[in-house]
Amino acid sequence: MNVVVGALVVIAVTSVAIAAMLVVRRRAPDGSYFSDGDRASGVFGVLATGFSVLLGFIIFLAFTSYDQSRAGAEAEALVLVQQVENAQQFPPSVVSKLTGQLICYGRSVVGVEWPRMQDGTIGDAPNPWGLALFETYRGVQPATASQQSAYDKWLDQTSTREEARRDRVHGAVGVIPTQLWIVLFFISAVIFVYMLFFADRGERAVTQGVLMGGVAAVITVMLLLLGSLDQPFHSGVGGLKPVAMERSLRVLDDVVPSLAPGVTPPCDELGRPL
C-alpha cells in the first residue's frame, strides 16, 4: 500500500475512534462504566492477547508467502541466465531461436506478467514464451555427447524455472482466507466497543483520547501490514518489484552479443510477440 494512503487511513481511523471515545465520555460516570477496573483490565488483556496471537500467526503465514514469491522471482531470473548459457550448446539451427525466446520470456515477466500480478489478473495463464520454448526444444535432436548433456540439463532447468514461476505467482492472489479477515475485523470491533466502556468523565479529554487513539492506531497499522504482506505485488513501499529479472535482462544484453551474435528477439521491449 502507498505510504501516504496508509498514513491517511491510520489518521482517519484513529480520529474516528478518539471522537467516539470523547462523545461517550460526556455521559460516562467518574471512574468509567466498570465498577471494578482491575477485573475489566484483566478481561481486556485476554481480548488483546487472543487478538495478538491470532494476528501474529497470520502475519507469519503472510510473510512466508511473501518470501516465497520473492525467492521464486529471484530463482526464476537466475535460471533464465543459466538456460541462455546452456542453449549455446544446442545444435546451431536452434541456438538463436532459443536464445531469443528466453530473452522474450524475461521481458514478458517484467512487462506483462508483473503488471497483471499487481492488479490480480494473472490467474492460471502460462507464460506464452514458456510454451514457445517447449515447442522449440521438443524438436531438437542431439547429435553429440555435449548436446545430449545440454539437452538433459535443459530439461532440469526448465522444471526449476517453472517451479520458481509457480512460487512467484502463488503470492499474487493472497493466502489469507476470507474467514480469517472476518475474524480479525470482528475482534477489532469488539476491542473498540470494549474500549468505549473505559470512558471516564473524571479524566482529562487528552488522556482519554490517547487511551483510545493508541489502541486504534496500533490495530490499524497491523491490519495494513497484514494486507500489504498478503498482496506482495503492489507499487507501494515493500511491494515486490521485478528487480531480479531486470538485472538478468541487463546481463543478457551484455553477454548475448558475444555468445550468440546476431540474435534478434521475436518480441518488443515488453515481451509481446512481434
C-alpha atoms as a PDB file:
ATOM      1  CA  MET A   1       0.000   0.000   0.000  1.00  0.00           C
ATOM      2  CA  ASN A   2       1.126   3.529  -0.690  1.00  0.00           C
ATOM      3  CA  VAL A   3       2.650   5.130   2.426  1.00  0.00           C
ATOM      4  CA  VAL A   4       0.550   8.275   2.082  1.00  0.00           C
ATOM      5  CA  VAL A   5      -2.675   6.285   1.706  1.00  0.00           C
ATOM      6  CA  GLY A   6      -1.730   4.097   4.654  1.00  0.00           C
ATOM      7  CA  ALA A   7      -0.986   7.130   6.821  1.00  0.00           C
ATOM      8  CA  LEU A   8      -4.307   8.711   5.873  1.00  0.00           C
ATOM      9  CA  VAL A   9      -6.148   5.501   6.769  1.00  0.00           C
ATOM     10  CA  VAL A  10      -4.430   5.346  10.166  1.00  0.00           C
ATOM     11  CA  ILE A  11      -5.184   9.010  10.852  1.00  0.00           C
ATOM     12  CA  ALA A  12      -8.819   8.629   9.777  1.00  0.00           C
ATOM     13  CA  VAL A  13      -9.484   5.504  11.846  1.00  0.00           C
ATOM     14  CA  THR A  14      -7.693   6.920  14.886  1.00  0.00           C
ATOM     15  CA  SER A  15      -9.587  10.198  14.630  1.00  0.00           C
ATOM     16  CA  VAL A  16     -12.942   8.407  14.455  1.00  0.00           C
ATOM     17  CA  ALA A  17     -12.013   6.245  17.451  1.00  0.00           C
ATOM     18  CA  ILE A  18     -10.933   9.242  19.519  1.00  0.00           C
ATOM     19  CA  ALA A  19     -14.073  11.161  18.565  1.00  0.00           C
ATOM     20  CA  ALA A  20     -16.229   8.209  19.607  1.00  0.00           C
ATOM     21  CA  MET A  21     -14.447   7.993  22.966  1.00  0.00           C
ATOM     22  CA  LEU A  22     -14.893  11.711  23.662  1.00  0.00           C
ATOM     23  CA  VAL A  23     -18.575  11.569  22.767  1.00  0.00           C
ATOM     24  CA  VAL A  24     -19.162   8.622  25.122  1.00  0.00           C
ATOM     25  CA  ARG A  25     -17.056  10.349  27.816  1.00  0.00           C
ATOM     26  CA  ARG A  26     -19.554  13.216  28.093  1.00  0.00           C
ATOM     27  CA  ARG A  27     -22.120  10.971  29.772  1.00  0.00           C
ATOM     28  CA  ALA A  28     -19.743   8.476  31.342  1.00  0.00           C
ATOM     29  CA  PRO A  29     -19.590   8.233  35.140  1.00  0.00           C
ATOM     30  CA  ASP A  30     -16.448   9.016  37.102  1.00  0.00           C
ATOM     31  CA  GLY A  31     -14.101   6.020  37.060  1.00  0.00           C
ATOM     32  CA  SER A  32     -15.540   4.582  33.793  1.00  0.00           C
ATOM     33  CA  TYR A  33     -18.527   2.300  33.308  1.00  0.00           C
ATOM     34  CA  PHE A  34     -16.702  -0.525  35.098  1.00  0.00           C
ATOM     35  CA  SER A  35     -17.055  -0.635  38.870  1.00  0.00           C
ATOM     36  CA  ASP A  36     -14.008  -2.906  39.113  1.00  0.00           C
ATOM     37  CA  GLY A  37     -11.277  -1.519  36.876  1.00  0.00           C
ATOM     38  CA  ASP A  38      -8.786  -4.292  37.639  1.00  0.00           C
ATOM     39  CA  ARG A  39     -11.198  -7.006  36.569  1.00  0.00           C
ATOM     40  CA  ALA A  40     -12.100  -5.076  33.436  1.00  0.00           C
ATOM     41  CA  SER A  41      -8.412  -4.650  32.592  1.00  0.00           C
ATOM     42  CA  GLY A  42      -7.905  -8.385  33.014  1.00  0.00           C
ATOM     43  CA  VAL A  43     -10.697  -9.148  30.557  1.00  0.00           C
ATOM     44  CA  PHE A  44      -9.235  -6.629  28.123  1.00  0.00           C
ATOM     45  CA  GLY A  45      -5.869  -8.377  28.469  1.00  0.00           C
ATOM     46  CA  VAL A  46      -7.496 -11.649  27.401  1.00  0.00           C
ATOM     47  CA  LEU A  47      -9.045  -9.968  24.356  1.00  0.00           C
ATOM     48  CA  ALA A  48      -5.809  -8.246  23.390  1.00  0.00           C
ATOM     49  CA  THR A  49      -3.745 -11.411  23.877  1.00  0.00           C
ATOM     50  CA  GLY A  50      -6.086 -13.508  21.764  1.00  0.00           C
ATOM     51  CA  PHE A  51      -6.047 -10.896  19.028  1.00  0.00           C
ATOM     52  CA  SER A  52      -2.266 -10.513  19.085  1.00  0.00           C
ATOM     53  CA  VAL A  53      -1.638 -14.280  18.990  1.00  0.00           C
ATOM     54  CA  LEU A  54      -4.003 -14.752  16.063  1.00  0.00           C
ATOM     55  CA  LEU A  55      -2.605 -11.715  14.267  1.00  0.00           C
ATOM     56  CA  GLY A  56       0.976 -12.869  14.807  1.00  0.00           C
ATOM     57  CA  PHE A  57       0.190 -16.299  13.367  1.00  0.00           C
ATOM     58  CA  ILE A  58      -1.483 -14.803  10.301  1.00  0.00           C
ATOM     59  CA  ILE A  59       1.353 -12.325   9.747  1.00  0.00           C
ATOM     60  CA  PHE A  60       3.811 -15.231   9.852  1.00  0.00           C
ATOM     61  CA  LEU A  61       1.696 -17.065   7.267  1.00  0.00           C
ATOM     62  CA  ALA A  62       1.531 -13.989   5.029  1.00  0.00           C
ATOM     63  CA  PHE A  63       5.259 -13.261   5.365  1.00  0.00           C
ATOM     64  CA  THR A  64       6.077 -16.865   4.434  1.00  0.00           C
ATOM     65  CA  SER A  65       4.068 -16.472   1.238  1.00  0.00           C
ATOM     66  CA  TYR A  66       5.691 -13.071   0.615  1.00  0.00           C
ATOM     67  CA  ASP A  67       9.176 -14.526   0.991  1.00  0.00           C
ATOM     68  CA  GLN A  68       8.276 -17.499  -1.202  1.00  0.00           C
ATOM     69  CA  SER A  69       7.210 -15.150  -4.003  1.00  0.00           C
ATOM     70  CA  ARG A  70      10.408 -13.111  -3.638  1.00  0.00           C
ATOM     71  CA  ALA A  71      12.617 -16.217  -3.653  1.00  0.00           C
ATOM     72  CA  GLY A  72      10.724 -17.641  -6.632  1.00  0.00           C
ATOM     73  CA  ALA A  73      11.254 -14.448  -8.634  1.00  0.00           C
ATOM     74  CA  GLU A  74      14.986 -14.489  -7.901  1.00  0.00           C
ATOM     75  CA  ALA A  75      15.363 -18.188  -8.732  1.00  0.00           C
ATOM     76  CA  GLU A  76      13.451 -17.757 -11.990  1.00  0.00           C
ATOM     77  CA  ALA A  77      15.704 -14.882 -13.044  1.00  0.00           C
ATOM     78  CA  LEU A  78      18.863 -16.861 -12.241  1.00  0.00           C
ATOM     79  CA  VAL A  79      17.731 -19.959 -14.136  1.00  0.00           C
ATOM     80  CA  LEU A  80      16.874 -17.829 -17.164  1.00  0.00           C
ATOM     81  CA  VAL A  81      20.508 -16.703 -17.486  1.00  0.00           C
ATOM     82  CA  GLN A  82      21.711 -20.274 -16.965  1.00  0.00           C
ATOM     83  CA  GLN A  83      19.402 -21.525 -19.710  1.00  0.00           C
ATOM     84  CA  VAL A  84      20.736 -18.920 -22.131  1.00  0.00           C
ATOM     85  CA  GLU A  85      24.253 -20.168 -21.424  1.00  0.00           C
ATOM     86  CA  ASN A  86      23.161 -23.782 -21.796  1.00  0.00           C
ATOM     87  CA  ALA A  87      21.312 -23.043 -25.042  1.00  0.00           C
ATOM     88  CA  GLN A  88      24.639 -22.242 -26.718  1.00  0.00           C
ATOM     89  CA  GLN A  89      25.492 -25.975 -26.581  1.00  0.00           C
ATOM     90  CA  PHE A  90      22.484 -26.940 -28.694  1.00  0.00           C
ATOM     91  CA  PRO A  91      22.619 -27.564 -32.453  1.00  0.00           C
ATOM     92  CA  PRO A  92      23.366 -24.291 -34.305  1.00  0.00           C
ATOM     93  CA  SER A  93      19.982 -24.389 -36.024  1.00  0.00           C
ATOM     94  CA  VAL A  94      18.116 -23.660 -32.771  1.00  0.00           C
ATOM     95  CA  VAL A  95      20.648 -21.652 -30.751  1.00  0.00           C
ATOM     96  CA  SER A  96      19.454 -18.247 -31.940  1.00  0.00           C
ATOM     97  CA  LYS A  97      15.796 -19.177 -31.664  1.00  0.00           C
ATOM     98  CA  LEU A  98      16.084 -20.487 -28.113  1.00  0.00           C
ATOM     99  CA  THR A  99      18.183 -17.517 -27.027  1.00  0.00           C
ATOM    100  CA  GLY A 100      15.703 -15.022 -28.452  1.00  0.00           C
ATOM    101  CA  GLN A 101      12.739 -16.791 -26.874  1.00  0.00           C
ATOM    102  CA  LEU A 102      14.446 -16.842 -23.478  1.00  0.00           C
ATOM    103  CA  ILE A 103      15.052 -13.106 -23.679  1.00  0.00           C
ATOM    104  CA  CYS A 104      11.399 -12.617 -24.603  1.00  0.00           C
ATOM    105  CA  TYR A 105      10.401 -14.764 -21.634  1.00  0.00           C
ATOM    106  CA  GLY A 106      12.285 -12.436 -19.300  1.00  0.00           C
ATOM    107  CA  ARG A 107      10.826  -9.338 -20.941  1.00  0.00           C
ATOM    108  CA  SER A 108       7.347 -10.812 -20.671  1.00  0.00           C
ATOM    109  CA  VAL A 109       7.788 -11.417 -16.933  1.00  0.00           C
ATOM    110  CA  VAL A 110       8.709  -7.762 -16.401  1.00  0.00           C
ATOM    111  CA  GLY A 111       6.454  -6.080 -18.940  1.00  0.00           C
ATOM    112  CA  VAL A 112       3.340  -8.265 -18.991  1.00  0.00           C
ATOM    113  CA  GLU A 113       3.145 -10.616 -16.031  1.00  0.00           C
ATOM    114  CA  TRP A 114       4.240  -8.217 -13.301  1.00  0.00           C
ATOM    115  CA  PRO A 115       1.515  -5.631 -14.005  1.00  0.00           C
ATOM    116  CA  ARG A 116      -1.037  -8.455 -14.106  1.00  0.00           C
ATOM    117  CA  MET A 117       0.172  -9.733 -10.738  1.00  0.00           C
ATOM    118  CA  GLN A 118      -0.161  -6.242  -9.302  1.00  0.00           C
ATOM    119  CA  ASP A 119      -3.784  -5.927 -10.394  1.00  0.00           C
ATOM    120  CA  GLY A 120      -4.589  -9.563  -9.540  1.00  0.00           C
ATOM    121  CA  THR A 121      -5.437 -10.741 -13.054  1.00  0.00           C
ATOM    122  CA  ILE A 122      -2.559 -13.167 -13.619  1.00  0.00           C
ATOM    123  CA  GLY A 123      -4.812 -16.195 -12.985  1.00  0.00           C
ATOM    124  CA  ASP A 124      -3.533 -19.571 -14.160  1.00  0.00           C
ATOM    125  CA  ALA A 125      -2.384 -18.386 -17.570  1.00  0.00           C
ATOM    126  CA  PRO A 126       1.068 -19.736 -18.533  1.00  0.00           C
ATOM    127  CA  ASN A 127       3.815 -17.576 -19.933  1.00  0.00           C
ATOM    128  CA  PRO A 128       3.386 -17.839 -23.736  1.00  0.00           C
ATOM    129  CA  TRP A 129       7.155 -17.874 -24.237  1.00  0.00           C
ATOM    130  CA  GLY A 130       7.398 -20.900 -21.981  1.00  0.00           C
ATOM    131  CA  LEU A 131       5.166 -22.716 -24.439  1.00  0.00           C
ATOM    132  CA  ALA A 132       7.208 -21.432 -27.381  1.00  0.00           C
ATOM    133  CA  LEU A 133      10.403 -22.707 -25.739  1.00  0.00           C
ATOM    134  CA  PHE A 134       8.809 -26.114 -25.255  1.00  0.00           C
ATOM    135  CA  GLU A 135       7.866 -26.316 -28.916  1.00  0.00           C
ATOM    136  CA  THR A 136      11.386 -25.334 -29.970  1.00  0.00           C
ATOM    137  CA  TYR A 137      13.454 -27.706 -27.836  1.00  0.00           C
ATOM    138  CA  ARG A 138      11.000 -30.573 -28.370  1.00  0.00           C
ATOM    139  CA  GLY A 139      12.194 -30.747 -31.959  1.00  0.00           C
ATOM    140  CA  VAL A 140      15.895 -30.814 -31.032  1.00  0.00           C
ATOM    141  CA  GLN A 141      17.780 -33.976 -31.904  1.00  0.00           C
ATOM    142  CA  PRO A 142      21.116 -34.068 -30.008  1.00  0.00           C
ATOM    143  CA  ALA A 143      23.907 -35.237 -32.304  1.00  0.00           C
ATOM    144  CA  THR A 144      26.869 -35.207 -29.922  1.00  0.00           C
ATOM    145  CA  ALA A 145      27.561 -36.108 -26.299  1.00  0.00           C
ATOM    146  CA  SER A 146      27.790 -32.427 -25.317  1.00  0.00           C
ATOM    147  CA  GLN A 147      24.482 -31.660 -26.994  1.00  0.00           C
ATOM    148  CA  GLN A 148      22.852 -34.606 -25.225  1.00  0.00           C
ATOM    149  CA  SER A 149      24.223 -33.380 -21.898  1.00  0.00           C
ATOM    150  CA  ALA A 150      22.960 -29.867 -22.614  1.00  0.00           C
ATOM    151  CA  TYR A 151      19.559 -31.270 -23.573  1.00  0.00           C
ATOM    152  CA  ASP A 152      19.259 -33.198 -20.299  1.00  0.00           C
ATOM    153  CA  LYS A 153      20.363 -30.176 -18.321  1.00  0.00           C
ATOM    154  CA  TRP A 154      17.838 -28.035 -20.176  1.00  0.00           C
ATOM    155  CA  LEU A 155      15.003 -30.270 -19.000  1.00  0.00           C
ATOM    156  CA  ASP A 156      16.140 -29.892 -15.390  1.00  0.00           C
ATOM    157  CA  GLN A 157      16.478 -26.126 -15.742  1.00  0.00           C
ATOM    158  CA  THR A 158      13.036 -25.865 -17.317  1.00  0.00           C
ATOM    159  CA  SER A 159      11.497 -27.719 -14.377  1.00  0.00           C
ATOM    160  CA  THR A 160      13.320 -25.438 -11.930  1.00  0.00           C
ATOM    161  CA  ARG A 161      12.195 -22.320 -13.807  1.00  0.00           C
ATOM    162  CA  GLU A 162       8.569 -23.464 -13.872  1.00  0.00           C
ATOM    163  CA  GLU A 163       8.629 -24.239 -10.148  1.00  0.00           C
ATOM    164  CA  ALA A 164      10.148 -20.817  -9.448  1.00  0.00           C
ATOM    165  CA  ARG A 165       7.458 -19.150 -11.548  1.00  0.00           C
ATOM    166  CA  ARG A 166       4.787 -21.040  -9.621  1.00  0.00           C
ATOM    167  CA  ASP A 167       6.241 -19.785  -6.348  1.00  0.00           C
ATOM    168  CA  ARG A 168       6.330 -16.236  -7.718  1.00  0.00           C
ATOM    169  CA  VAL A 169       2.740 -16.280  -8.950  1.00  0.00           C
ATOM    170  CA  HIS A 170       1.493 -18.047  -5.815  1.00  0.00           C
ATOM    171  CA  GLY A 171       1.535 -14.872  -3.723  1.00  0.00           C
ATOM    172  CA  ALA A 172      -0.308 -12.763  -6.305  1.00  0.00           C
ATOM    173  CA  VAL A 173      -3.734 -13.990  -5.199  1.00  0.00           C
ATOM    174  CA  GLY A 174      -3.194 -13.742  -1.438  1.00  0.00           C
ATOM    175  CA  VAL A 175      -3.058 -16.602   1.041  1.00  0.00           C
ATOM    176  CA  ILE A 176      -5.285 -15.346   3.860  1.00  0.00           C
ATOM    177  CA  PRO A 177      -8.823 -16.757   3.535  1.00  0.00           C
ATOM    178  CA  THR A 178     -11.830 -14.509   3.904  1.00  0.00           C
ATOM    179  CA  GLN A 179     -12.844 -16.213   7.143  1.00  0.00           C
ATOM    180  CA  LEU A 180      -9.688 -15.012   8.883  1.00  0.00           C
ATOM    181  CA  TRP A 181     -10.220 -11.445   7.706  1.00  0.00           C
ATOM    182  CA  ILE A 182     -13.769 -11.569   9.091  1.00  0.00           C
ATOM    183  CA  VAL A 183     -12.493 -12.849  12.440  1.00  0.00           C
ATOM    184  CA  LEU A 184      -9.791 -10.175  12.622  1.00  0.00           C
ATOM    185  CA  PHE A 185     -12.209  -7.332  11.917  1.00  0.00           C
ATOM    186  CA  PHE A 186     -14.750  -8.796  14.336  1.00  0.00           C
ATOM    187  CA  ILE A 187     -12.205  -8.950  17.171  1.00  0.00           C
ATOM    188  CA  SER A 188     -11.064  -5.416  16.296  1.00  0.00           C
ATOM    189  CA  ALA A 189     -14.660  -4.202  16.575  1.00  0.00           C
ATOM    190  CA  VAL A 190     -15.079  -5.990  19.920  1.00  0.00           C
ATOM    191  CA  ILE A 191     -11.922  -4.345  21.269  1.00  0.00           C
ATOM    192  CA  PHE A 192     -13.120  -0.951  20.027  1.00  0.00           C
ATOM    193  CA  VAL A 193     -16.502  -1.278  21.748  1.00  0.00           C
ATOM    194  CA  TYR A 194     -14.878  -2.597  24.918  1.00  0.00           C
ATOM    195  CA  MET A 195     -12.538   0.388  24.999  1.00  0.00           C
ATOM    196  CA  LEU A 196     -15.537   2.746  24.965  1.00  0.00           C
ATOM    197  CA  PHE A 197     -16.572   1.385  28.375  1.00  0.00           C
ATOM    198  CA  PHE A 198     -13.331   2.789  29.772  1.00  0.00           C
ATOM    199  CA  ALA A 199     -14.673   6.298  29.097  1.00  0.00           C
ATOM    200  CA  ASP A 200     -14.216   8.319  32.271  1.00  0.00           C
ATOM    201  CA  ARG A 201     -15.645  11.790  32.730  1.00  0.00           C
ATOM    202  CA  GLY A 202     -13.229  12.344  35.592  1.00  0.00           C
ATOM    203  CA  GLU A 203     -10.149  12.015  33.377  1.00  0.00           C
ATOM    204  CA  ARG A 204      -8.905  14.691  31.035  1.00  0.00           C
ATOM    205  CA  ALA A 205     -10.020  14.521  27.427  1.00  0.00           C
ATOM    206  CA  VAL A 206      -6.422  14.252  26.234  1.00  0.00           C
ATOM    207  CA  THR A 207      -5.811  11.189  28.387  1.00  0.00           C
ATOM    208  CA  GLN A 208      -8.959   9.521  27.134  1.00  0.00           C
ATOM    209  CA  GLY A 209      -8.066  10.372  23.544  1.00  0.00           C
ATOM    210  CA  VAL A 210      -4.581   8.875  23.890  1.00  0.00           C
ATOM    211  CA  LEU A 211      -6.044   5.764  25.518  1.00  0.00           C
ATOM    212  CA  MET A 212      -8.371   5.071  22.604  1.00  0.00           C
ATOM    213  CA  GLY A 213      -6.175   6.506  19.855  1.00  0.00           C
ATOM    214  CA  GLY A 214      -3.158   4.380  20.764  1.00  0.00           C
ATOM    215  CA  VAL A 215      -5.137   1.142  20.589  1.00  0.00           C
ATOM    216  CA  ALA A 216      -6.896   2.109  17.348  1.00  0.00           C
ATOM    217  CA  ALA A 217      -3.666   3.219  15.662  1.00  0.00           C
ATOM    218  CA  VAL A 218      -1.774   0.030  16.556  1.00  0.00           C
ATOM    219  CA  ILE A 219      -4.568  -2.275  15.369  1.00  0.00           C
ATOM    220  CA  THR A 220      -4.971  -0.327  12.133  1.00  0.00           C
ATOM    221  CA  VAL A 221      -1.253  -0.380  11.367  1.00  0.00           C
ATOM    222  CA  MET A 222      -1.066  -4.119  11.982  1.00  0.00           C
ATOM    223  CA  LEU A 223      -4.023  -4.808   9.709  1.00  0.00           C
ATOM    224  CA  LEU A 224      -2.487  -2.629   6.984  1.00  0.00           C
ATOM    225  CA  LEU A 225       0.805  -4.513   7.340  1.00  0.00           C
ATOM    226  CA  LEU A 226      -1.046  -7.786   7.035  1.00  0.00           C
ATOM    227  CA  GLY A 227      -2.813  -6.595   3.895  1.00  0.00           C
ATOM    228  CA  SER A 228       0.482  -5.492   2.361  1.00  0.00           C
ATOM    229  CA  LEU A 229       2.127  -8.866   3.034  1.00  0.00           C
ATOM    230  CA  ASP A 230      -0.915 -10.742   1.740  1.00  0.00           C
ATOM    231  CA  GLN A 231      -0.744  -8.822  -1.566  1.00  0.00           C
ATOM    232  CA  PRO A 232       3.038  -8.559  -2.121  1.00  0.00           C
ATOM    233  CA  PHE A 233       2.830  -7.282  -5.696  1.00  0.00           C
ATOM    234  CA  HIS A 234       1.988  -3.613  -5.408  1.00  0.00           C
ATOM    235  CA  SER A 235       3.645  -0.309  -6.271  1.00  0.00           C
ATOM    236  CA  GLY A 236       3.917   0.944  -2.693  1.00  0.00           C
ATOM    237  CA  VAL A 237       6.696   0.598  -0.138  1.00  0.00           C
ATOM    238  CA  GLY A 238       7.618  -3.051   0.400  1.00  0.00           C
ATOM    239  CA  GLY A 239       5.933  -4.275  -2.777  1.00  0.00           C
ATOM    240  CA  LEU A 240       7.865  -6.852  -4.760  1.00  0.00           C
ATOM    241  CA  LYS A 241       9.416  -5.455  -7.932  1.00  0.00           C
ATOM    242  CA  PRO A 242      10.935  -7.383 -10.887  1.00  0.00           C
ATOM    243  CA  VAL A 243      14.433  -6.344  -9.808  1.00  0.00           C
ATOM    244  CA  ALA A 244      15.998  -9.788 -10.233  1.00  0.00           C
ATOM    245  CA  MET A 245      14.602 -10.333 -13.741  1.00  0.00           C
ATOM    246  CA  GLU A 246      15.537  -6.807 -14.820  1.00  0.00           C
ATOM    247  CA  ARG A 247      19.070  -7.487 -13.616  1.00  0.00           C
ATOM    248  CA  SER A 248      19.177 -10.749 -15.579  1.00  0.00           C
ATOM    249  CA  LEU A 249      17.970  -8.980 -18.714  1.00  0.00           C
ATOM    250  CA  ARG A 250      20.728  -6.378 -18.355  1.00  0.00           C
ATOM    251  CA  VAL A 251      23.267  -9.191 -18.009  1.00  0.00           C
ATOM    252  CA  LEU A 252      21.912 -10.862 -21.134  1.00  0.00           C
ATOM    253  CA  ASP A 253      22.057  -7.594 -23.047  1.00  0.00           C
ATOM    254  CA  ASP A 254      25.770  -7.519 -22.262  1.00  0.00           C
ATOM    255  CA  VAL A 255      26.680 -11.158 -22.924  1.00  0.00           C
ATOM    256  CA  VAL A 256      24.334 -12.303 -25.699  1.00  0.00           C
ATOM    257  CA  PRO A 257      26.079 -10.321 -28.480  1.00  0.00           C
ATOM    258  CA  SER A 258      29.251 -12.307 -27.789  1.00  0.00           C
ATOM    259  CA  LEU A 259      27.563 -15.644 -27.010  1.00  0.00           C
ATOM    260  CA  ALA A 260      25.107 -15.639 -29.899  1.00  0.00           C
ATOM    261  CA  PRO A 261      25.902 -12.843 -32.383  1.00  0.00           C
ATOM    262  CA  GLY A 262      23.014 -11.631 -34.488  1.00  0.00           C
ATOM    263  CA  VAL A 263      20.215 -12.799 -32.201  1.00  0.00           C
ATOM    264  CA  THR A 264      17.063 -10.710 -32.615  1.00  0.00           C
ATOM    265  CA  PRO A 265      14.392 -11.439 -30.003  1.00  0.00           C
ATOM    266  CA  PRO A 266      10.992 -12.036 -31.641  1.00  0.00           C
ATOM    267  CA  CYS A 267       9.252  -9.607 -29.277  1.00  0.00           C
ATOM    268  CA  ASP A 268       9.119  -5.972 -28.278  1.00  0.00           C
ATOM    269  CA  GLU A 269      10.608  -4.483 -25.107  1.00  0.00           C
ATOM    270  CA  LEU A 270       7.597  -5.629 -23.073  1.00  0.00           C
ATOM    271  CA  GLY A 271       7.879  -9.224 -24.259  1.00  0.00           C
ATOM    272  CA  ARG A 272       4.888  -9.113 -26.593  1.00  0.00           C
ATOM    273  CA  PRO A 273       5.289 -11.125 -29.806  1.00  0.00           C
ATOM    274  CA  LEU A 274       6.115  -9.090 -32.882  1.00  0.00           C
END
